[in-house]
Amino acid sequence: MKNTVFMGTDFYPWQPPTSRRVTEGPPQAGIGEDSHVENAIIDKNVSIGKHCRIENREGVEEAEGENYQIRDGIVVIPKNTRIPDGTVI
């Protein structure tokens, strides 16, 4: 996870669901197996699926996607977002 900022989470995968506070977002926050994240800001309660690549390979400066934004060349994944397995940004 090169040059990446993680904002934290309101719960952790190892906590039983009954002990968690009620929050929005995916049921399990974190980064899936074999995923690569570089030059990104990942906000709270984000779930990134398996085999994802989040790195702005094209060097885009500004963009809007369904589950992300790019600002000044940095990928931003907003709070409570779920990125499906195999996503490439």
Protein backbone atom coordinates (compact mmCIF):
# COMPACT_ATOMS: atom_id res chain seq x y z
CA MET A 1 0.00 0.00 0.00
CA LYS A 2 2.36 2.64 -1.31
CA ASN A 3 1.58 6.32 -0.58
CA THR A 4 -1.88 5.48 0.73
CA VAL A 5 -3.84 7.07 3.58
CA PHE A 6 -6.43 5.01 5.48
CA MET A 7 -8.96 6.88 7.57
CA GLY A 8 -9.92 3.99 9.89
CA THR A 9 -13.13 2.15 10.52
CA ASP A 10 -16.05 2.18 12.95
CA PHE A 11 -15.72 -1.60 13.41
CA TYR A 12 -13.28 -4.40 12.69
CA PRO A 13 -13.81 -7.74 10.89
CA TRP A 14 -12.95 -9.77 13.99
CA GLN A 15 -15.68 -8.13 16.08
CA PRO A 16 -18.92 -10.12 16.20
CA PRO A 17 -21.74 -8.20 14.48
CA THR A 18 -23.75 -8.14 17.72
CA SER A 19 -21.07 -6.06 19.47
CA ARG A 20 -20.76 -3.46 16.69
CA ARG A 21 -22.39 -0.06 16.67
CA VAL A 22 -24.98 0.42 13.97
CA THR A 23 -23.19 2.05 11.03
CA GLU A 24 -23.65 2.51 7.34
CA GLY A 25 -21.40 0.88 4.83
CA PRO A 26 -20.29 -2.62 3.90
CA PRO A 27 -20.53 -5.45 6.44
CA GLN A 28 -16.74 -5.94 6.47
CA ALA A 29 -14.30 -3.08 5.95
CA GLY A 30 -10.78 -3.72 4.68
CA ILE A 31 -8.74 -4.65 1.63
CA GLY A 32 -9.21 -8.01 -0.05
CA GLU A 33 -6.65 -10.63 -0.94
CA ASP A 34 -4.24 -9.84 -3.82
CA SER A 35 -5.41 -6.21 -4.09
CA HIS A 36 -3.00 -3.35 -4.79
CA VAL A 37 -3.60 0.23 -3.61
CA GLU A 38 -1.22 3.08 -4.43
CA ASN A 39 -1.45 6.90 -4.21
CA ALA A 40 -4.94 6.82 -2.73
CA ILE A 41 -7.00 8.09 0.17
CA ILE A 42 -9.31 5.41 1.58
CA ASP A 43 -11.99 6.87 3.87
CA LYS A 44 -13.70 5.12 6.81
CA ASN A 45 -15.65 1.85 6.50
CA VAL A 46 -14.48 1.08 2.95
CA SER A 47 -14.43 -2.49 1.65
CA ILE A 48 -12.10 -3.19 -1.29
CA GLY A 49 -12.68 -6.60 -2.86
CA LYS A 50 -10.19 -9.26 -3.91
CA HIS A 51 -7.88 -8.78 -6.91
CA CYS A 52 -8.50 -5.01 -7.19
CA ARG A 53 -6.00 -2.45 -8.51
CA ILE A 54 -6.47 1.11 -7.30
CA GLU A 55 -3.58 3.21 -8.56
CA ASN A 56 -4.56 5.72 -11.32
CA ARG A 57 -2.27 4.12 -13.92
CA GLU A 58 -3.37 6.59 -16.60
CA GLY A 59 -2.29 9.62 -14.57
CA VAL A 60 -5.72 11.26 -14.70
CA GLU A 61 -5.82 14.56 -12.75
CA GLU A 62 -9.59 14.92 -12.17
CA ALA A 63 -12.38 12.34 -12.61
CA GLU A 64 -15.65 11.07 -11.15
CA GLY A 65 -16.45 7.37 -11.00
CA GLU A 66 -19.32 5.38 -9.54
CA ASN A 67 -17.39 4.48 -6.35
CA TYR A 68 -14.47 6.92 -6.42
CA GLN A 69 -13.11 10.32 -7.41
CA ILE A 70 -9.69 11.41 -8.60
CA ARG A 71 -8.45 14.77 -7.33
CA ASP A 72 -5.02 16.13 -8.26
CA GLY A 73 -4.11 12.64 -9.50
CA ILE A 74 -4.98 10.94 -6.20
CA VAL A 75 -7.72 8.31 -6.06
CA VAL A 76 -10.23 9.00 -3.26
CA ILE A 77 -12.57 6.24 -2.08
CA PRO A 78 -15.41 7.86 -0.05
CA LYS A 79 -16.71 6.69 3.32
CA ASN A 80 -18.93 3.56 3.41
CA THR A 81 -18.05 2.49 -0.15
CA ARG A 82 -17.84 -1.11 -1.37
CA ILE A 83 -15.46 -1.74 -4.26
CA PRO A 84 -16.34 -5.06 -5.99
CA ASP A 85 -13.81 -7.84 -6.62
CA GLY A 86 -11.63 -7.30 -9.67
CA THR A 87 -12.15 -3.52 -9.92
CA VAL A 88 -9.39 -1.56 -11.69
CA ILE A 89 -9.10 2.21 -11.18
